[in-house]
Amino acid sequence: MRKHLVPVIAEPTAADLAAIESEWPLIAAELDVLDAEITLIYAEDHGGPTVLDWRRLRRAESRVTRAAADLATGTAGPRRAA
């Protein structure tokens, strides 16, 4: 027996979009960690990661920690570079 899938027509609500917006700094920070990890993986084929590659990963991980803490305390928001 085959069941038919019902297409989803509903769009995200304003609350859904607000939740994504408030979590975006953490999402962006996690993407930075992923990018740094990919760089480390590819560096293995080219003589190994450099000191700067490792520093980039540590800084990205630090941004994730700060963004998660900000989100948990309710102080999440866009950070401006000083």
N, C-alpha and C. Protein backbone atom coordinates (compact mmCIF):
# COMPACT_ATOMS: atom_id res chain seq x y z
N MET A 1 0.82 -1.16 0.00
CA MET A 1 0.00 0.00 0.00
C MET A 1 0.88 1.25 0.00
N ARG A 2 0.53 2.18 -0.80
CA ARG A 2 1.32 3.39 -0.92
C ARG A 2 0.58 4.56 -0.29
N LYS A 3 1.29 5.28 0.56
CA LYS A 3 0.69 6.46 1.18
C LYS A 3 1.15 7.69 0.42
N HIS A 4 0.24 8.60 0.23
CA HIS A 4 0.57 9.83 -0.46
C HIS A 4 1.03 10.88 0.54
N LEU A 5 2.08 11.56 0.16
CA LEU A 5 2.59 12.62 1.02
C LEU A 5 1.81 13.90 0.76
N VAL A 6 1.53 14.58 1.82
CA VAL A 6 0.80 15.84 1.72
C VAL A 6 1.84 16.97 1.66
N PRO A 7 1.75 17.83 0.66
CA PRO A 7 2.73 18.91 0.58
C PRO A 7 2.56 19.90 1.75
N VAL A 8 3.68 20.37 2.25
CA VAL A 8 3.66 21.33 3.34
C VAL A 8 3.56 22.73 2.72
N ILE A 9 2.52 23.43 3.06
CA ILE A 9 2.28 24.74 2.49
C ILE A 9 2.59 25.83 3.51
N ALA A 10 2.56 25.48 4.78
CA ALA A 10 2.74 26.47 5.84
C ALA A 10 4.15 27.05 5.80
N GLU A 11 4.22 28.34 5.95
CA GLU A 11 5.51 29.03 6.02
C GLU A 11 5.86 29.27 7.48
N PRO A 12 7.13 29.58 7.74
CA PRO A 12 7.51 29.83 9.13
C PRO A 12 6.74 31.02 9.70
N THR A 13 6.38 30.89 10.94
CA THR A 13 5.67 31.98 11.61
C THR A 13 6.67 33.06 12.02
N ALA A 14 6.15 34.17 12.46
CA ALA A 14 7.01 35.25 12.95
C ALA A 14 7.82 34.77 14.16
N ALA A 15 7.21 33.94 14.99
CA ALA A 15 7.92 33.40 16.15
C ALA A 15 9.06 32.48 15.72
N ASP A 16 8.82 31.67 14.69
CA ASP A 16 9.87 30.79 14.17
C ASP A 16 11.05 31.61 13.64
N LEU A 17 10.74 32.64 12.88
CA LEU A 17 11.79 33.49 12.32
C LEU A 17 12.55 34.25 13.42
N ALA A 18 11.84 34.67 14.46
CA ALA A 18 12.48 35.35 15.57
C ALA A 18 13.42 34.41 16.32
N ALA A 19 13.01 33.16 16.47
CA ALA A 19 13.86 32.17 17.14
C ALA A 19 15.12 31.92 16.34
N ILE A 20 15.00 31.80 15.03
CA ILE A 20 16.17 31.60 14.17
C ILE A 20 17.08 32.81 14.26
N GLU A 21 16.50 34.00 14.23
CA GLU A 21 17.29 35.24 14.31
C GLU A 21 18.06 35.31 15.62
N SER A 22 17.42 34.92 16.72
CA SER A 22 18.11 34.99 18.01
C SER A 22 19.21 33.94 18.13
N GLU A 23 19.08 32.82 17.43
CA GLU A 23 20.08 31.76 17.47
C GLU A 23 21.15 31.92 16.39
N TRP A 24 20.98 32.91 15.51
CA TRP A 24 21.90 33.02 14.38
C TRP A 24 23.36 33.21 14.79
N PRO A 25 23.70 34.01 15.80
CA PRO A 25 25.12 34.13 16.17
C PRO A 25 25.75 32.76 16.52
N LEU A 26 25.00 31.91 17.18
CA LEU A 26 25.52 30.58 17.51
C LEU A 26 25.66 29.73 16.25
N ILE A 27 24.70 29.80 15.37
CA ILE A 27 24.76 29.04 14.12
C ILE A 27 25.98 29.48 13.30
N ALA A 28 26.18 30.78 13.19
CA ALA A 28 27.32 31.30 12.43
C ALA A 28 28.64 30.88 13.06
N ALA A 29 28.71 30.91 14.39
CA ALA A 29 29.93 30.49 15.08
C ALA A 29 30.21 29.01 14.85
N GLU A 30 29.18 28.18 14.87
CA GLU A 30 29.36 26.75 14.62
C GLU A 30 29.81 26.50 13.19
N LEU A 31 29.32 27.30 12.25
CA LEU A 31 29.77 27.17 10.86
C LEU A 31 31.24 27.55 10.73
N ASP A 32 31.69 28.53 11.51
CA ASP A 32 33.10 28.91 11.52
C ASP A 32 33.97 27.76 12.04
N VAL A 33 33.50 27.06 13.06
CA VAL A 33 34.24 25.91 13.58
C VAL A 33 34.32 24.82 12.51
N LEU A 34 33.22 24.56 11.86
CA LEU A 34 33.20 23.55 10.80
C LEU A 34 34.18 23.91 9.69
N ASP A 35 34.19 25.17 9.30
CA ASP A 35 35.10 25.62 8.25
C ASP A 35 36.56 25.45 8.68
N ALA A 36 36.85 25.79 9.93
CA ALA A 36 38.22 25.63 10.44
C ALA A 36 38.62 24.16 10.50
N GLU A 37 37.68 23.30 10.88
CA GLU A 37 37.98 21.86 10.93
C GLU A 37 38.23 21.30 9.52
N ILE A 38 37.47 21.75 8.55
CA ILE A 38 37.68 21.31 7.18
C ILE A 38 39.05 21.76 6.69
N THR A 39 39.43 22.97 7.05
CA THR A 39 40.75 23.47 6.67
C THR A 39 41.85 22.59 7.27
N LEU A 40 41.67 22.16 8.52
CA LEU A 40 42.65 21.28 9.14
C LEU A 40 42.74 19.93 8.43
N ILE A 41 41.60 19.42 8.02
CA ILE A 41 41.58 18.12 7.32
C ILE A 41 42.33 18.24 5.99
N TYR A 42 42.04 19.29 5.24
CA TYR A 42 42.72 19.47 3.96
C TYR A 42 44.20 19.78 4.13
N ALA A 43 44.56 20.40 5.23
CA ALA A 43 45.96 20.74 5.47
C ALA A 43 46.83 19.49 5.63
N GLU A 44 46.23 18.40 6.07
CA GLU A 44 46.98 17.16 6.23
C GLU A 44 47.59 16.71 4.92
N ASP A 45 46.94 17.02 3.80
CA ASP A 45 47.44 16.63 2.48
C ASP A 45 48.52 17.58 1.98
N HIS A 46 48.73 18.70 2.66
CA HIS A 46 49.66 19.71 2.19
C HIS A 46 50.71 20.05 3.25
N GLY A 47 51.20 19.05 3.93
CA GLY A 47 52.26 19.27 4.90
C GLY A 47 51.80 19.47 6.33
N GLY A 48 50.53 19.39 6.56
CA GLY A 48 50.02 19.53 7.93
C GLY A 48 49.54 20.93 8.23
N PRO A 49 48.69 21.04 9.25
CA PRO A 49 48.14 22.34 9.62
C PRO A 49 49.22 23.27 10.18
N THR A 50 49.04 24.54 9.94
CA THR A 50 49.98 25.54 10.45
C THR A 50 49.50 26.02 11.82
N VAL A 51 50.35 26.81 12.46
CA VAL A 51 49.99 27.40 13.74
C VAL A 51 48.75 28.28 13.56
N LEU A 52 48.68 28.98 12.44
CA LEU A 52 47.52 29.84 12.19
C LEU A 52 46.23 29.03 12.01
N ASP A 53 46.35 27.85 11.41
CA ASP A 53 45.17 26.99 11.27
C ASP A 53 44.62 26.59 12.63
N TRP A 54 45.53 26.22 13.55
CA TRP A 54 45.09 25.83 14.89
C TRP A 54 44.52 27.02 15.65
N ARG A 55 45.13 28.20 15.46
CA ARG A 55 44.63 29.40 16.13
C ARG A 55 43.23 29.73 15.63
N ARG A 56 43.01 29.58 14.33
CA ARG A 56 41.69 29.84 13.75
C ARG A 56 40.64 28.92 14.37
N LEU A 57 40.99 27.65 14.56
CA LEU A 57 40.06 26.71 15.18
C LEU A 57 39.77 27.11 16.63
N ARG A 58 40.80 27.44 17.40
CA ARG A 58 40.60 27.83 18.80
C ARG A 58 39.72 29.07 18.90
N ARG A 59 39.96 30.04 18.05
CA ARG A 59 39.14 31.25 18.08
C ARG A 59 37.70 30.96 17.70
N ALA A 60 37.50 30.10 16.72
CA ALA A 60 36.14 29.74 16.32
C ALA A 60 35.43 29.01 17.46
N GLU A 61 36.14 28.11 18.13
CA GLU A 61 35.54 27.41 19.27
C GLU A 61 35.21 28.38 20.40
N SER A 62 36.04 29.37 20.59
CA SER A 62 35.78 30.38 21.61
C SER A 62 34.52 31.18 21.27
N ARG A 63 34.34 31.51 19.98
CA ARG A 63 33.13 32.22 19.56
C ARG A 63 31.89 31.39 19.81
N VAL A 64 31.98 30.07 19.61
CA VAL A 64 30.84 29.19 19.89
C VAL A 64 30.50 29.24 21.37
N THR A 65 31.51 29.17 22.21
CA THR A 65 31.28 29.21 23.66
C THR A 65 30.61 30.52 24.07
N ARG A 66 31.14 31.65 23.55
CA ARG A 66 30.55 32.95 23.89
C ARG A 66 29.11 33.05 23.38
N ALA A 67 28.87 32.61 22.15
CA ALA A 67 27.53 32.71 21.57
C ALA A 67 26.55 31.83 22.34
N ALA A 68 26.97 30.63 22.74
CA ALA A 68 26.10 29.74 23.50
C ALA A 68 25.80 30.34 24.87
N ALA A 69 26.80 30.93 25.50
CA ALA A 69 26.59 31.56 26.81
C ALA A 69 25.64 32.75 26.68
N ASP A 70 25.84 33.56 25.65
CA ASP A 70 24.94 34.70 25.42
C ASP A 70 23.51 34.23 25.19
N LEU A 71 23.35 33.18 24.41
CA LEU A 71 22.02 32.65 24.13
C LEU A 71 21.38 32.10 25.41
N ALA A 72 22.16 31.42 26.23
CA ALA A 72 21.64 30.84 27.47
C ALA A 72 21.23 31.91 28.48
N THR A 73 21.95 33.02 28.51
CA THR A 73 21.64 34.07 29.46
C THR A 73 20.65 35.09 28.92
N GLY A 74 20.32 34.95 27.66
CA GLY A 74 19.35 35.86 27.06
C GLY A 74 19.94 37.17 26.60
N THR A 75 21.25 37.23 26.51
CA THR A 75 21.90 38.46 26.04
C THR A 75 22.38 38.33 24.61
N ALA A 76 21.86 37.35 23.88
CA ALA A 76 22.28 37.13 22.51
C ALA A 76 21.88 38.30 21.64
N GLY A 77 22.74 38.60 20.74
CA GLY A 77 22.49 39.69 19.81
C GLY A 77 23.71 39.86 18.94
N PRO A 78 23.59 40.66 17.92
CA PRO A 78 24.75 40.83 17.05
C PRO A 78 25.89 41.52 17.78
N ARG A 79 27.08 40.98 17.62
CA ARG A 79 28.27 41.56 18.22
C ARG A 79 28.94 42.46 17.19
N ARG A 80 29.43 43.57 17.66
CA ARG A 80 30.15 44.47 16.78
C ARG A 80 31.62 44.37 17.08
N ALA A 81 32.41 44.39 16.02
CA ALA A 81 33.85 44.34 16.21
C ALA A 81 34.33 45.66 16.81
N ALA A 82 35.23 45.56 17.77
CA ALA A 82 35.74 46.77 18.42
C ALA A 82 36.90 47.36 17.66
